[in-house]
All heavy atoms as atom14 arrays in JSON, in Angstrom:
{
  "sequence": "VVKNGEWAKFFIETWFDPIYRSYNFQKAEQHALEHIVQWHPTIL",
  "atom14_mask": [
    [1, 1, 1, 1, 1, 1, 1, 0, 0, 0, 0, 0, 0, 0],
    [1, 1, 1, 1, 1, 1, 1, 0, 0, 0, 0, 0, 0, 0],
    [1, 1, 1, 1, 1, 1, 1, 1, 1, 0, 0, 0, 0, 0],
    [1, 1, 1, 1, 1, 1, 1, 1, 0, 0, 0, 0, 0, 0],
    [1, 1, 1, 1, 0, 0, 0, 0, 0, 0, 0, 0, 0, 0],
    [1, 1, 1, 1, 1, 1, 1, 1, 1, 0, 0, 0, 0, 0],
    [1, 1, 1, 1, 1, 1, 1, 1, 1, 1, 1, 1, 1, 1],
    [1, 1, 1, 1, 1, 0, 0, 0, 0, 0, 0, 0, 0, 0],
    [1, 1, 1, 1, 1, 1, 1, 1, 1, 0, 0, 0, 0, 0],
    [1, 1, 1, 1, 1, 1, 1, 1, 1, 1, 1, 0, 0, 0],
    [1, 1, 1, 1, 1, 1, 1, 1, 1, 1, 1, 0, 0, 0],
    [1, 1, 1, 1, 1, 1, 1, 1, 0, 0, 0, 0, 0, 0],
    [1, 1, 1, 1, 1, 1, 1, 1, 1, 0, 0, 0, 0, 0],
    [1, 1, 1, 1, 1, 1, 1, 0, 0, 0, 0, 0, 0, 0],
    [1, 1, 1, 1, 1, 1, 1, 1, 1, 1, 1, 1, 1, 1],
    [1, 1, 1, 1, 1, 1, 1, 1, 1, 1, 1, 0, 0, 0],
    [1, 1, 1, 1, 1, 1, 1, 1, 0, 0, 0, 0, 0, 0],
    [1, 1, 1, 1, 1, 1, 1, 0, 0, 0, 0, 0, 0, 0],
    [1, 1, 1, 1, 1, 1, 1, 1, 0, 0, 0, 0, 0, 0],
    [1, 1, 1, 1, 1, 1, 1, 1, 1, 1, 1, 1, 0, 0],
    [1, 1, 1, 1, 1, 1, 1, 1, 1, 1, 1, 0, 0, 0],
    [1, 1, 1, 1, 1, 1, 0, 0, 0, 0, 0, 0, 0, 0],
    [1, 1, 1, 1, 1, 1, 1, 1, 1, 1, 1, 1, 0, 0],
    [1, 1, 1, 1, 1, 1, 1, 1, 0, 0, 0, 0, 0, 0],
    [1, 1, 1, 1, 1, 1, 1, 1, 1, 1, 1, 0, 0, 0],
    [1, 1, 1, 1, 1, 1, 1, 1, 1, 0, 0, 0, 0, 0],
    [1, 1, 1, 1, 1, 1, 1, 1, 1, 0, 0, 0, 0, 0],
    [1, 1, 1, 1, 1, 0, 0, 0, 0, 0, 0, 0, 0, 0],
    [1, 1, 1, 1, 1, 1, 1, 1, 1, 0, 0, 0, 0, 0],
    [1, 1, 1, 1, 1, 1, 1, 1, 1, 0, 0, 0, 0, 0],
    [1, 1, 1, 1, 1, 1, 1, 1, 1, 1, 0, 0, 0, 0],
    [1, 1, 1, 1, 1, 0, 0, 0, 0, 0, 0, 0, 0, 0],
    [1, 1, 1, 1, 1, 1, 1, 1, 0, 0, 0, 0, 0, 0],
    [1, 1, 1, 1, 1, 1, 1, 1, 1, 0, 0, 0, 0, 0],
    [1, 1, 1, 1, 1, 1, 1, 1, 1, 1, 0, 0, 0, 0],
    [1, 1, 1, 1, 1, 1, 1, 1, 0, 0, 0, 0, 0, 0],
    [1, 1, 1, 1, 1, 1, 1, 0, 0, 0, 0, 0, 0, 0],
    [1, 1, 1, 1, 1, 1, 1, 1, 1, 0, 0, 0, 0, 0],
    [1, 1, 1, 1, 1, 1, 1, 1, 1, 1, 1, 1, 1, 1],
    [1, 1, 1, 1, 1, 1, 1, 1, 1, 1, 0, 0, 0, 0],
    [1, 1, 1, 1, 1, 1, 1, 0, 0, 0, 0, 0, 0, 0],
    [1, 1, 1, 1, 1, 1, 1, 0, 0, 0, 0, 0, 0, 0],
    [1, 1, 1, 1, 1, 1, 1, 1, 0, 0, 0, 0, 0, 0],
    [1, 1, 1, 1, 1, 1, 1, 1, 0, 0, 0, 0, 0, 0]
  ],
  "atom14_positions": [
    [[0.85, -1.25, -0.02], [0.0, -0.02, -0.03], [0.87, 1.24, 0.04], [1.87, 1.31, 0.78], [-0.88, 0.02, 1.22], [-1.85, 1.28, 1.13], [-1.74, -1.18, 1.3], [0.0, 0.0, 0.0], [0.0, 0.0, 0.0], [0.0, 0.0, 0.0], [0.0, 0.0, 0.0], [0.0, 0.0, 0.0], [0.0, 0.0, 0.0], [0.0, 0.0, 0.0]],
    [[0.59, 2.22, -0.85], [1.31, 3.5, -0.86], [0.21, 4.58, -0.57], [-0.89, 4.55, -1.13], [1.99, 3.78, -2.16], [3.17, 2.87, -2.32], [1.12, 3.66, -3.31], [0.0, 0.0, 0.0], [0.0, 0.0, 0.0], [0.0, 0.0, 0.0], [0.0, 0.0, 0.0], [0.0, 0.0, 0.0], [0.0, 0.0, 0.0], [0.0, 0.0, 0.0]],
    [[0.61, 5.58, 0.15], [-0.19, 6.79, 0.35], [-0.07, 7.71, -0.89], [1.04, 8.12, -1.21], [0.28, 7.54, 1.56], [-0.56, 8.69, 1.98], [-0.07, 9.31, 3.31], [-0.96, 10.45, 3.66], [-0.41, 11.11, 4.93], [0.0, 0.0, 0.0], [0.0, 0.0, 0.0], [0.0, 0.0, 0.0], [0.0, 0.0, 0.0], [0.0, 0.0, 0.0]],
    [[-1.15, 7.97, -1.51], [-1.11, 8.75, -2.78], [-0.66, 10.14, -2.57], [-1.03, 10.77, -1.57], [-2.54, 8.83, -3.37], [-2.61, 9.24, -4.82], [-1.58, 9.34, -5.49], [-3.7, 9.54, -5.29], [0.0, 0.0, 0.0], [0.0, 0.0, 0.0], [0.0, 0.0, 0.0], [0.0, 0.0, 0.0], [0.0, 0.0, 0.0], [0.0, 0.0, 0.0]],
    [[0.28, 10.6, -3.38], [0.89, 11.92, -3.23], [2.18, 12.04, -3.96], [2.6, 11.17, -4.74], [0.0, 0.0, 0.0], [0.0, 0.0, 0.0], [0.0, 0.0, 0.0], [0.0, 0.0, 0.0], [0.0, 0.0, 0.0], [0.0, 0.0, 0.0], [0.0, 0.0, 0.0], [0.0, 0.0, 0.0], [0.0, 0.0, 0.0], [0.0, 0.0, 0.0]],
    [[2.82, 13.26, -3.8], [4.04, 13.5, -4.56], [5.19, 12.54, -4.22], [5.89, 12.09, -5.06], [4.48, 14.96, -4.33], [3.55, 15.93, -4.76], [3.24, 15.82, -6.26], [4.19, 15.61, -7.07], [2.0, 15.92, -6.64], [0.0, 0.0, 0.0], [0.0, 0.0, 0.0], [0.0, 0.0, 0.0], [0.0, 0.0, 0.0], [0.0, 0.0, 0.0]],
    [[5.29, 12.13, -2.95], [6.36, 11.22, -2.5], [6.13, 9.85, -3.2], [7.13, 9.22, -3.72], [6.41, 11.04, -1.03], [7.54, 10.19, -0.71], [8.8, 10.53, -0.38], [7.56, 8.72, -0.49], [9.63, 9.47, -0.11], [8.88, 8.3, -0.23], [6.56, 7.76, -0.63], [9.19, 6.94, 0.01], [6.89, 6.46, -0.48], [8.23, 6.03, -0.14]],
    [[4.83, 9.38, -3.27], [4.57, 8.16, -3.81], [4.97, 8.2, -5.31], [5.46, 7.19, -5.91], [3.14, 7.79, -3.68], [0.0, 0.0, 0.0], [0.0, 0.0, 0.0], [0.0, 0.0, 0.0], [0.0, 0.0, 0.0], [0.0, 0.0, 0.0], [0.0, 0.0, 0.0], [0.0, 0.0, 0.0], [0.0, 0.0, 0.0], [0.0, 0.0, 0.0]],
    [[4.61, 9.22, -5.98], [4.97, 9.31, -7.41], [6.51, 9.21, -7.62], [7.03, 8.48, -8.48], [4.44, 10.62, -7.97], [2.96, 10.7, -8.09], [2.47, 12.1, -8.46], [1.04, 12.26, -8.49], [0.5, 13.54, -8.81], [0.0, 0.0, 0.0], [0.0, 0.0, 0.0], [0.0, 0.0, 0.0], [0.0, 0.0, 0.0], [0.0, 0.0, 0.0]],
    [[7.24, 9.98, -6.82], [8.69, 9.88, -6.82], [9.18, 8.5, -6.61], [10.11, 8.0, -7.27], [9.27, 10.9, -5.76], [10.65, 10.41, -5.25], [11.74, 10.57, -5.95], [10.72, 9.84, -3.95], [12.96, 10.25, -5.51], [11.97, 9.49, -3.5], [13.06, 9.69, -4.21], [0.0, 0.0, 0.0], [0.0, 0.0, 0.0], [0.0, 0.0, 0.0]],
    [[8.65, 7.81, -5.58], [9.08, 6.44, -5.19], [8.81, 5.46, -6.31], [9.76, 4.71, -6.72], [8.4, 6.08, -3.97], [8.45, 4.61, -3.67], [9.67, 3.98, -3.51], [7.26, 3.79, -3.58], [9.72, 2.59, -3.28], [7.32, 2.49, -3.33], [8.57, 1.82, -3.18], [0.0, 0.0, 0.0], [0.0, 0.0, 0.0], [0.0, 0.0, 0.0]],
    [[7.6, 5.47, -6.92], [7.35, 4.49, -7.91], [8.18, 4.76, -9.17], [8.7, 3.76, -9.78], [5.82, 4.6, -8.33], [4.91, 4.1, -7.08], [5.48, 3.75, -9.51], [5.18, 2.7, -6.68], [0.0, 0.0, 0.0], [0.0, 0.0, 0.0], [0.0, 0.0, 0.0], [0.0, 0.0, 0.0], [0.0, 0.0, 0.0], [0.0, 0.0, 0.0]],
    [[8.4, 5.96, -9.49], [9.23, 6.36, -10.69], [10.62, 5.95, -10.5], [11.42, 5.49, -11.41], [9.01, 7.75, -11.01], [7.71, 8.12, -11.63], [7.37, 9.62, -11.68], [8.33, 10.38, -11.33], [6.24, 10.01, -11.98], [0.0, 0.0, 0.0], [0.0, 0.0, 0.0], [0.0, 0.0, 0.0], [0.0, 0.0, 0.0], [0.0, 0.0, 0.0]],
    [[11.12, 6.09, -9.21], [12.5, 5.63, -8.95], [12.61, 4.17, -9.02], [13.55, 3.59, -9.62], [12.82, 6.12, -7.47], [12.79, 7.53, -7.45], [14.24, 5.63, -7.14], [0.0, 0.0, 0.0], [0.0, 0.0, 0.0], [0.0, 0.0, 0.0], [0.0, 0.0, 0.0], [0.0, 0.0, 0.0], [0.0, 0.0, 0.0], [0.0, 0.0, 0.0]],
    [[11.65, 3.41, -8.42], [11.65, 1.99, -8.48], [11.62, 1.47, -9.9], [12.21, 0.41, -10.23], [10.4, 1.49, -7.71], [10.35, 0.04, -7.42], [11.27, -0.96, -7.7], [9.37, -0.66, -6.67], [10.83, -2.2, -7.28], [9.64, -2.01, -6.58], [8.14, -0.17, -6.02], [8.82, -2.93, -5.99], [7.37, -1.05, -5.39], [7.7, -2.43, -5.38]],
    [[10.88, 2.12, -10.75], [10.66, 1.63, -12.13], [11.83, 2.21, -13.12], [11.77, 2.03, -14.3], [9.38, 2.14, -12.65], [8.97, 1.49, -13.95], [8.79, 0.15, -14.16], [8.72, 2.32, -15.11], [8.37, -0.45, -15.32], [8.36, 1.78, -16.3], [8.21, 0.41, -16.41], [0.0, 0.0, 0.0], [0.0, 0.0, 0.0], [0.0, 0.0, 0.0]],
    [[12.82, 2.87, -12.54], [13.84, 3.45, -13.41], [14.43, 2.32, -14.29], [14.7, 1.31, -13.86], [14.95, 4.03, -12.48], [15.89, 4.88, -13.19], [16.73, 4.36, -14.01], [15.87, 6.07, -12.98], [0.0, 0.0, 0.0], [0.0, 0.0, 0.0], [0.0, 0.0, 0.0], [0.0, 0.0, 0.0], [0.0, 0.0, 0.0], [0.0, 0.0, 0.0]],
    [[14.75, 2.77, -15.53], [15.29, 1.77, -16.56], [16.6, 1.19, -16.09], [16.88, 0.01, -16.47], [15.48, 2.69, -17.83], [14.56, 3.69, -17.63], [14.45, 4.03, -16.23], [0.0, 0.0, 0.0], [0.0, 0.0, 0.0], [0.0, 0.0, 0.0], [0.0, 0.0, 0.0], [0.0, 0.0, 0.0], [0.0, 0.0, 0.0], [0.0, 0.0, 0.0]],
    [[17.37, 1.91, -15.26], [18.65, 1.3, -14.81], [18.46, 0.08, -13.98], [19.23, -0.91, -14.07], [19.52, 2.39, -14.08], [20.92, 1.83, -13.98], [18.96, 2.67, -12.8], [21.9, 2.91, -13.53], [0.0, 0.0, 0.0], [0.0, 0.0, 0.0], [0.0, 0.0, 0.0], [0.0, 0.0, 0.0], [0.0, 0.0, 0.0], [0.0, 0.0, 0.0]],
    [[17.42, 0.08, -13.16], [17.12, -1.13, -12.3], [16.58, -2.29, -13.15], [16.82, -3.43, -12.88], [16.13, -0.74, -11.24], [16.74, 0.28, -10.21], [16.08, 1.48, -9.91], [18.02, 0.07, -9.68], [16.59, 2.43, -9.05], [18.48, 1.1, -8.75], [17.84, 2.18, -8.5], [18.41, 3.14, -7.7], [0.0, 0.0, 0.0], [0.0, 0.0, 0.0]],
    [[15.76, -1.95, -14.12], [15.27, -2.99, -14.99], [16.32, -3.66, -15.8], [16.25, -4.79, -16.2], [14.14, -2.39, -15.94], [12.77, -2.23, -15.26], [11.85, -1.62, -16.22], [11.99, -0.15, -16.28], [11.63, 0.6, -17.38], [11.15, -0.07, -18.45], [11.78, 1.86, -17.38], [0.0, 0.0, 0.0], [0.0, 0.0, 0.0], [0.0, 0.0, 0.0]],
    [[17.45, -2.88, -16.02], [18.55, -3.41, -16.89], [19.47, -4.3, -16.03], [20.31, -4.93, -16.64], [19.33, -2.27, -17.51], [20.05, -1.53, -16.5], [0.0, 0.0, 0.0], [0.0, 0.0, 0.0], [0.0, 0.0, 0.0], [0.0, 0.0, 0.0], [0.0, 0.0, 0.0], [0.0, 0.0, 0.0], [0.0, 0.0, 0.0], [0.0, 0.0, 0.0]],
    [[19.36, -4.27, -14.67], [20.25, -5.04, -13.86], [19.98, -6.58, -13.9], [20.71, -7.38, -13.42], [20.11, -4.61, -12.41], [20.82, -3.27, -12.14], [20.72, -2.68, -10.89], [21.65, -2.68, -13.09], [21.39, -1.52, -10.6], [22.33, -1.49, -12.79], [22.19, -0.92, -11.55], [22.88, 0.26, -11.24], [0.0, 0.0, 0.0], [0.0, 0.0, 0.0]],
    [[18.84, -6.95, -14.47], [18.46, -8.42, -14.54], [18.52, -9.09, -13.12], [19.08, -10.12, -12.89], [19.33, -9.15, -15.54], [19.13, -8.69, -16.91], [18.0, -8.43, -17.31], [20.18, -8.53, -17.6], [0.0, 0.0, 0.0], [0.0, 0.0, 0.0], [0.0, 0.0, 0.0], [0.0, 0.0, 0.0], [0.0, 0.0, 0.0], [0.0, 0.0, 0.0]],
    [[17.89, -8.43, -12.1], [17.84, -9.01, -10.84], [17.11, -10.4, -10.93], [16.18, -10.57, -11.71], [17.03, -8.12, -9.87], [17.76, -6.86, -9.5], [17.25, -5.65, -9.92], [18.83, -6.91, -8.67], [17.88, -4.43, -9.55], [19.47, -5.72, -8.31], [18.98, -4.54, -8.7], [0.0, 0.0, 0.0], [0.0, 0.0, 0.0], [0.0, 0.0, 0.0]],
    [[17.54, -11.31, -10.04], [16.97, -12.65, -10.09], [15.48, -12.66, -9.85], [14.73, -13.33, -10.55], [17.65, -13.54, -9.06], [17.09, -14.94, -9.06], [17.69, -15.84, -7.95], [18.44, -15.32, -7.16], [17.39, -17.13, -7.99], [0.0, 0.0, 0.0], [0.0, 0.0, 0.0], [0.0, 0.0, 0.0], [0.0, 0.0, 0.0], [0.0, 0.0, 0.0]],
    [[14.93, -11.77, -8.93], [13.59, -11.62, -8.7], [13.02, -10.31, -9.15], [12.11, -9.74, -8.53], [13.28, -11.86, -7.2], [13.43, -13.33, -6.83], [12.97, -13.59, -5.39], [13.13, -15.11, -5.06], [12.51, -15.37, -3.71], [0.0, 0.0, 0.0], [0.0, 0.0, 0.0], [0.0, 0.0, 0.0], [0.0, 0.0, 0.0], [0.0, 0.0, 0.0]],
    [[13.57, -9.86, -10.2], [13.1, -8.61, -10.89], [12.83, -7.45, -9.9], [13.7, -7.01, -9.18], [11.85, -8.92, -11.72], [0.0, 0.0, 0.0], [0.0, 0.0, 0.0], [0.0, 0.0, 0.0], [0.0, 0.0, 0.0], [0.0, 0.0, 0.0], [0.0, 0.0, 0.0], [0.0, 0.0, 0.0], [0.0, 0.0, 0.0], [0.0, 0.0, 0.0]],
    [[11.6, -6.91, -9.97], [11.27, -5.76, -9.27], [11.37, -5.97, -7.63], [11.62, -5.0, -6.9], [9.92, -5.16, -9.5], [8.68, -5.92, -8.88], [8.42, -7.35, -9.45], [9.05, -7.72, -10.5], [7.66, -8.08, -8.86], [0.0, 0.0, 0.0], [0.0, 0.0, 0.0], [0.0, 0.0, 0.0], [0.0, 0.0, 0.0], [0.0, 0.0, 0.0]],
    [[11.3, -7.17, -7.22], [11.38, -7.51, -5.86], [12.79, -7.2, -5.32], [13.04, -6.52, -4.32], [10.95, -8.86, -5.49], [11.04, -9.28, -4.03], [10.56, -10.66, -3.72], [9.59, -11.07, -4.33], [11.16, -11.36, -2.79], [0.0, 0.0, 0.0], [0.0, 0.0, 0.0], [0.0, 0.0, 0.0], [0.0, 0.0, 0.0], [0.0, 0.0, 0.0]],
    [[13.75, -7.74, -6.08], [15.18, -7.51, -5.65], [15.6, -6.06, -5.87], [16.47, -5.52, -5.18], [16.1, -8.41, -6.39], [16.1, -9.84, -5.81], [16.75, -10.9, -6.38], [15.52, -10.32, -4.68], [16.63, -12.02, -5.64], [15.91, -11.66, -4.64], [0.0, 0.0, 0.0], [0.0, 0.0, 0.0], [0.0, 0.0, 0.0], [0.0, 0.0, 0.0]],
    [[14.93, -5.41, -6.97], [15.28, -4.02, -7.14], [14.84, -3.11, -5.97], [15.47, -2.19, -5.52], [14.58, -3.53, -8.43], [0.0, 0.0, 0.0], [0.0, 0.0, 0.0], [0.0, 0.0, 0.0], [0.0, 0.0, 0.0], [0.0, 0.0, 0.0], [0.0, 0.0, 0.0], [0.0, 0.0, 0.0], [0.0, 0.0, 0.0], [0.0, 0.0, 0.0]],
    [[13.66, -3.45, -5.42], [13.19, -2.86, -4.25], [14.1, -3.01, -3.03], [14.4, -1.99, -2.32], [11.79, -3.32, -3.92], [11.14, -2.75, -2.64], [10.92, -1.2, -2.81], [9.78, -3.43, -2.34], [0.0, 0.0, 0.0], [0.0, 0.0, 0.0], [0.0, 0.0, 0.0], [0.0, 0.0, 0.0], [0.0, 0.0, 0.0], [0.0, 0.0, 0.0]],
    [[14.57, -4.17, -2.89], [15.52, -4.4, -1.78], [16.74, -3.55, -1.98], [17.3, -2.99, -0.97], [15.89, -5.85, -1.64], [14.64, -6.75, -1.17], [14.99, -8.19, -1.14], [16.14, -8.6, -1.59], [14.19, -8.98, -0.7], [0.0, 0.0, 0.0], [0.0, 0.0, 0.0], [0.0, 0.0, 0.0], [0.0, 0.0, 0.0], [0.0, 0.0, 0.0]],
    [[17.23, -3.44, -3.14], [18.39, -2.6, -3.44], [18.15, -1.14, -3.14], [18.91, -0.46, -2.46], [18.8, -2.8, -4.93], [19.89, -1.78, -5.41], [21.15, -2.13, -5.23], [19.76, -0.63, -5.92], [21.88, -1.08, -5.7], [21.08, -0.14, -6.17], [0.0, 0.0, 0.0], [0.0, 0.0, 0.0], [0.0, 0.0, 0.0], [0.0, 0.0, 0.0]],
    [[17.04, -0.59, -3.55], [16.63, 0.78, -3.43], [16.5, 1.15, -1.93], [17.0, 2.16, -1.42], [15.41, 1.12, -4.18], [15.48, 0.98, -5.68], [14.84, 2.51, -3.87], [14.28, 1.02, -6.49], [0.0, 0.0, 0.0], [0.0, 0.0, 0.0], [0.0, 0.0, 0.0], [0.0, 0.0, 0.0], [0.0, 0.0, 0.0], [0.0, 0.0, 0.0]],
    [[15.8, 0.32, -1.22], [15.5, 0.57, 0.2], [16.84, 0.62, 0.98], [17.01, 1.43, 1.9], [14.61, -0.51, 0.81], [14.47, -0.42, 2.27], [13.16, -0.35, 0.24], [0.0, 0.0, 0.0], [0.0, 0.0, 0.0], [0.0, 0.0, 0.0], [0.0, 0.0, 0.0], [0.0, 0.0, 0.0], [0.0, 0.0, 0.0], [0.0, 0.0, 0.0]],
    [[17.8, -0.24, 0.65], [18.98, -0.29, 1.39], [19.97, 0.84, 1.02], [20.78, 1.22, 1.88], [19.69, -1.68, 1.21], [18.94, -2.83, 1.84], [19.73, -4.08, 1.65], [20.48, -4.47, 2.48], [19.53, -4.76, 0.52], [0.0, 0.0, 0.0], [0.0, 0.0, 0.0], [0.0, 0.0, 0.0], [0.0, 0.0, 0.0], [0.0, 0.0, 0.0]],
    [[19.85, 1.44, -0.15], [20.8, 2.45, -0.53], [20.15, 3.88, -0.56], [20.93, 4.87, -0.82], [21.28, 2.08, -1.94], [22.26, 1.02, -1.93], [22.05, -0.32, -2.17], [23.74, 1.12, -1.67], [23.21, -1.05, -2.01], [24.24, -0.23, -1.73], [24.6, 2.19, -1.43], [25.57, -0.45, -1.53], [25.88, 1.88, -1.22], [26.37, 0.57, -1.24]],
    [[18.92, 3.94, -0.36], [18.22, 5.29, -0.42], [17.52, 5.54, 0.96], [16.29, 5.15, 1.11], [17.3, 5.4, -1.53], [17.97, 5.3, -2.87], [18.55, 6.44, -3.52], [18.29, 4.25, -3.67], [19.08, 6.11, -4.59], [18.88, 4.78, -4.78], [0.0, 0.0, 0.0], [0.0, 0.0, 0.0], [0.0, 0.0, 0.0], [0.0, 0.0, 0.0]],
    [[18.05, 6.26, 1.92], [17.41, 6.5, 3.16], [16.11, 7.31, 2.99], [15.24, 7.24, 3.9], [18.41, 7.24, 3.99], [19.66, 7.37, 3.13], [19.47, 6.74, 1.87], [0.0, 0.0, 0.0], [0.0, 0.0, 0.0], [0.0, 0.0, 0.0], [0.0, 0.0, 0.0], [0.0, 0.0, 0.0], [0.0, 0.0, 0.0], [0.0, 0.0, 0.0]],
    [[16.03, 8.11, 1.93], [14.8, 8.88, 1.72], [13.59, 8.0, 1.49], [12.47, 8.31, 1.79], [14.98, 9.83, 0.56], [15.33, 9.08, -0.57], [15.96, 10.9, 0.82], [0.0, 0.0, 0.0], [0.0, 0.0, 0.0], [0.0, 0.0, 0.0], [0.0, 0.0, 0.0], [0.0, 0.0, 0.0], [0.0, 0.0, 0.0], [0.0, 0.0, 0.0]],
    [[13.86, 6.82, 1.09], [12.76, 5.85, 0.86], [12.57, 4.95, 2.07], [11.46, 4.78, 2.55], [13.07, 4.93, -0.37], [12.9, 5.77, -1.62], [12.08, 3.74, -0.47], [13.35, 5.11, -2.94], [0.0, 0.0, 0.0], [0.0, 0.0, 0.0], [0.0, 0.0, 0.0], [0.0, 0.0, 0.0], [0.0, 0.0, 0.0], [0.0, 0.0, 0.0]],
    [[13.66, 4.5, 2.77], [13.59, 3.76, 3.92], [12.86, 4.54, 5.03], [12.16, 4.04, 5.85], [14.92, 3.39, 4.42], [15.03, 2.43, 5.69], [14.27, 1.17, 5.47], [16.47, 2.29, 6.05], [0.0, 0.0, 0.0], [0.0, 0.0, 0.0], [0.0, 0.0, 0.0], [0.0, 0.0, 0.0], [0.0, 0.0, 0.0], [0.0, 0.0, 0.0]]
  ]
}
């Protein structure tokens, strides 16, 4: 669940960034999320 607003838009667009899709994570968007959360305190 995400709270609708400007932060949510920023977050979803960051998560969907082409660079993460190009990494070929084993579990696709799930592993991309784990990467983002650990490296971006603004999201954590």
